[in-house]
Amino acid sequence: MKTIQDYMTDPRILNDPGCDDILIREIHAARLKLQDETAGMTVQERCDYLNNKARDVLSSIGADPLLVSFPDGGKLRPRTVQSRTKEAVL
């Protein structure tokens, strides 16, 4: 599995003129890593994966993820959109 450092040297980041700041590059590297890790997952699988990843990160820095005060515990949920013809899950 590729690390953030591997993504930091990825041509998609190195060749992006908007990624001249090290912090911006690191954020985009993390985004690319998550996109690659969740490629091919369903929306629900992606939400579950990201929720578990967030819980692991919070736990690793000593934060208790159960104390999050966001609605629904801060968990990502698939969004349902009403269209004129049918309901779609994004």
Protein backbone atom coordinates (compact mmCIF):
# COMPACT_ATOMS: atom_id res chain seq x y z
CA MET A 1 0.00 0.00 0.00
CA LYS A 2 1.34 3.42 -0.95
CA THR A 3 2.14 5.92 1.79
CA ILE A 4 1.50 9.65 1.91
CA GLN A 5 5.19 10.15 1.06
CA ASP A 6 4.73 8.06 -2.10
CA TYR A 7 1.84 10.30 -3.11
CA MET A 8 3.85 13.45 -2.32
CA THR A 9 6.18 12.51 -5.19
CA ASP A 10 3.32 11.55 -7.52
CA PRO A 11 3.43 13.48 -10.84
CA ARG A 12 -0.20 14.54 -10.32
CA ILE A 13 0.98 16.56 -7.32
CA LEU A 14 4.47 17.57 -8.50
CA ASN A 15 3.13 18.92 -11.81
CA ASP A 16 0.20 20.80 -10.25
CA PRO A 17 1.03 24.54 -10.11
CA GLY A 18 -1.43 24.98 -7.24
CA CYS A 19 0.55 22.59 -5.03
CA ASP A 20 3.59 24.79 -4.39
CA ASP A 21 3.03 24.79 -0.61
CA ILE A 22 4.10 21.67 1.32
CA LEU A 23 0.85 21.63 3.34
CA ILE A 24 -1.28 21.82 0.18
CA ARG A 25 0.74 18.96 -1.33
CA GLU A 26 0.23 16.86 1.80
CA ILE A 27 -3.54 17.50 1.78
CA HIS A 28 -3.78 16.54 -1.89
CA ALA A 29 -1.60 13.47 -1.29
CA ALA A 30 -4.00 12.33 1.45
CA ARG A 31 -6.97 12.96 -0.86
CA LEU A 32 -5.40 10.92 -3.68
CA LYS A 33 -4.56 8.12 -1.24
CA LEU A 34 -8.17 7.94 -0.03
CA GLN A 35 -9.48 8.04 -3.59
CA ASP A 36 -7.24 5.14 -4.57
CA GLU A 37 -8.11 3.15 -1.44
CA THR A 38 -11.85 3.54 -2.01
CA ALA A 39 -11.89 3.03 -5.79
CA GLY A 40 -14.56 0.54 -6.78
CA MET A 41 -16.41 0.70 -3.44
CA THR A 42 -20.12 1.35 -3.20
CA VAL A 43 -21.26 4.57 -1.55
CA GLN A 44 -22.10 2.74 1.68
CA GLU A 45 -18.77 0.89 1.69
CA ARG A 46 -16.95 4.19 1.14
CA CYS A 47 -18.84 5.85 4.02
CA ASP A 48 -18.07 2.93 6.34
CA TYR A 49 -14.41 2.94 5.31
CA LEU A 50 -14.01 6.69 5.87
CA ASN A 51 -15.85 6.56 9.21
CA ASN A 52 -13.55 3.75 10.40
CA LYS A 53 -10.49 5.62 9.13
CA ALA A 54 -11.58 8.79 10.97
CA ARG A 55 -12.16 6.80 14.18
CA ASP A 56 -8.68 5.25 13.87
CA VAL A 57 -7.05 8.65 13.36
CA LEU A 58 -8.90 10.20 16.32
CA SER A 59 -7.93 7.26 18.52
CA SER A 60 -4.29 7.46 17.42
CA ILE A 61 -4.02 11.06 18.67
CA GLY A 62 -5.78 10.29 21.93
CA ALA A 63 -9.18 11.76 21.07
CA ASP A 64 -12.29 9.77 21.96
CA PRO A 65 -14.38 9.48 18.78
CA LEU A 66 -17.45 8.73 20.90
CA LEU A 67 -17.36 12.29 22.24
CA VAL A 68 -17.93 13.89 18.84
CA SER A 69 -20.89 16.25 19.17
CA PHE A 70 -21.97 16.37 15.52
CA PRO A 71 -25.43 15.18 14.46
CA ASP A 72 -25.42 11.40 13.97
CA GLY A 73 -22.07 11.24 15.76
CA GLY A 74 -20.36 12.94 12.82
CA LYS A 75 -20.68 9.85 10.63
CA LEU A 76 -20.86 10.13 6.88
CA ARG A 77 -24.04 8.81 5.33
CA PRO A 78 -25.01 8.37 1.69
CA ARG A 79 -27.04 11.34 0.51
CA THR A 80 -30.41 10.70 -1.09
CA VAL A 81 -31.53 13.05 -3.83
CA GLN A 82 -35.09 13.31 -5.08
CA SER A 83 -35.45 13.70 -8.81
CA ARG A 84 -38.65 14.07 -10.76
CA THR A 85 -38.58 10.46 -11.88
CA LYS A 86 -36.95 8.52 -9.06
CA GLU A 87 -34.88 8.67 -5.91
CA ALA A 88 -31.12 8.36 -6.37
CA VAL A 89 -28.38 7.65 -3.86
CA LEU A 90 -25.20 9.66 -4.36
